[in-house]
C-alpha cells in the first residue's frame, strides 16, 4: 500500500508532478493517494519526496 504522512507532507506537489495518476494535493495543500496501483512513478515520487512523507509497504 502507498501511504502519505500528512504531518511530514509540506505540499510541494512533486509527487503529483511525477505521478498524477496516484497523487494529488487536497484542499489543505497536502498530498493524498488517489490510486493504489503500483507504477514506476510511485517509487520515483517516494525516492524524491523532500520530507520522505511517502511510504510503500
C-alpha atoms as a PDB file:
ATOM      1  CA  UNK A   1       0.000   0.000   0.000  1.00  0.00           C
ATOM      2  CA  UNK A   2       1.008   3.596  -0.631  1.00  0.00           C
ATOM      3  CA  UNK A   3       0.786   5.962   2.364  1.00  0.00           C
ATOM      4  CA  UNK A   4       1.299   9.689   2.895  1.00  0.00           C
ATOM      5  CA  UNK A   5       2.382  11.024   6.284  1.00  0.00           C
ATOM      6  CA  UNK A   6       0.202  14.145   6.441  1.00  0.00           C
ATOM      7  CA  UNK A   7       2.318  15.627   9.233  1.00  0.00           C
ATOM      8  CA  UNK A   8       5.511  15.300   7.181  1.00  0.00           C
ATOM      9  CA  UNK A   9       3.996  16.471   3.874  1.00  0.00           C
ATOM     10  CA  UNK A  10       4.837  20.093   3.035  1.00  0.00           C
ATOM     11  CA  UNK A  11       2.645  20.257  -0.078  1.00  0.00           C
ATOM     12  CA  UNK A  12       5.491  20.729  -2.544  1.00  0.00           C
ATOM     13  CA  UNK A  13       3.474  18.780  -5.173  1.00  0.00           C
ATOM     14  CA  UNK A  14       6.496  16.898  -6.521  1.00  0.00           C
ATOM     15  CA  UNK A  15       4.628  13.600  -6.143  1.00  0.00           C
ATOM     16  CA  UNK A  16       1.691  14.954  -8.113  1.00  0.00           C
ATOM     17  CA  UNK A  17       4.005  16.263 -10.824  1.00  0.00           C
ATOM     18  CA  UNK A  18       5.851  12.941 -11.088  1.00  0.00           C
ATOM     19  CA  UNK A  19       2.842  10.651 -10.777  1.00  0.00           C
ATOM     20  CA  UNK A  20      -0.517  12.414 -11.222  1.00  0.00           C
ATOM     21  CA  UNK A  21      -2.309   9.081 -11.630  1.00  0.00           C
ATOM     22  CA  UNK A  22      -1.570   8.280  -7.982  1.00  0.00           C
ATOM     23  CA  UNK A  23      -1.191  11.564  -6.106  1.00  0.00           C
ATOM     24  CA  UNK A  24      -2.978  14.883  -5.827  1.00  0.00           C
ATOM     25  CA  UNK A  25      -2.962  17.795  -3.426  1.00  0.00           C
ATOM     26  CA  UNK A  26      -6.097  18.184  -1.344  1.00  0.00           C
ATOM     27  CA  UNK A  27      -7.778  21.389  -0.126  1.00  0.00           C
ATOM     28  CA  UNK A  28      -5.332  21.536   2.784  1.00  0.00           C
ATOM     29  CA  UNK A  29      -2.424  21.502   0.288  1.00  0.00           C
ATOM     30  CA  UNK A  30      -1.320  18.077   1.469  1.00  0.00           C
ATOM     31  CA  UNK A  31      -0.703  15.131  -0.821  1.00  0.00           C
ATOM     32  CA  UNK A  32      -3.154  12.288  -0.857  1.00  0.00           C
ATOM     33  CA  UNK A  33      -3.179   8.943  -2.630  1.00  0.00           C
ATOM     34  CA  UNK A  34      -5.859   8.674  -5.312  1.00  0.00           C
ATOM     35  CA  UNK A  35      -4.825   5.261  -6.672  1.00  0.00           C
ATOM     36  CA  UNK A  36      -3.066   2.321  -5.027  1.00  0.00           C
ATOM     37  CA  UNK A  37      -1.954   0.953  -8.398  1.00  0.00           C
ATOM     38  CA  UNK A  38       1.814   0.499  -8.325  1.00  0.00           C
ATOM     39  CA  UNK A  39       3.630   2.289 -11.118  1.00  0.00           C
ATOM     40  CA  UNK A  40       7.310   3.128 -11.566  1.00  0.00           C
ATOM     41  CA  UNK A  41       6.466   6.774 -10.940  1.00  0.00           C
ATOM     42  CA  UNK A  42       5.205   5.934  -7.418  1.00  0.00           C
ATOM     43  CA  UNK A  43       8.668   4.748  -6.422  1.00  0.00           C
ATOM     44  CA  UNK A  44      10.194   7.770  -8.133  1.00  0.00           C
ATOM     45  CA  UNK A  45       7.898  10.065  -6.131  1.00  0.00           C
ATOM     46  CA  UNK A  46       8.782   8.227  -2.908  1.00  0.00           C
ATOM     47  CA  UNK A  47      12.505   8.450  -3.610  1.00  0.00           C
ATOM     48  CA  UNK A  48      12.310  12.171  -4.428  1.00  0.00           C
ATOM     49  CA  UNK A  49       9.938  13.364  -1.692  1.00  0.00           C
ATOM     50  CA  UNK A  50      11.899  16.041   0.197  1.00  0.00           C
ATOM     51  CA  UNK A  51      10.370  15.103   3.559  1.00  0.00           C
ATOM     52  CA  UNK A  52      10.156  11.320   2.980  1.00  0.00           C
ATOM     53  CA  UNK A  53       6.391  11.527   3.570  1.00  0.00           C
ATOM     54  CA  UNK A  54       5.609   8.694   1.127  1.00  0.00           C
ATOM     55  CA  UNK A  55       5.912   5.088   2.246  1.00  0.00           C
ATOM     56  CA  UNK A  56       5.185   1.866   0.421  1.00  0.00           C
ATOM     57  CA  UNK A  57       4.552  -1.453   2.137  1.00  0.00           C
END
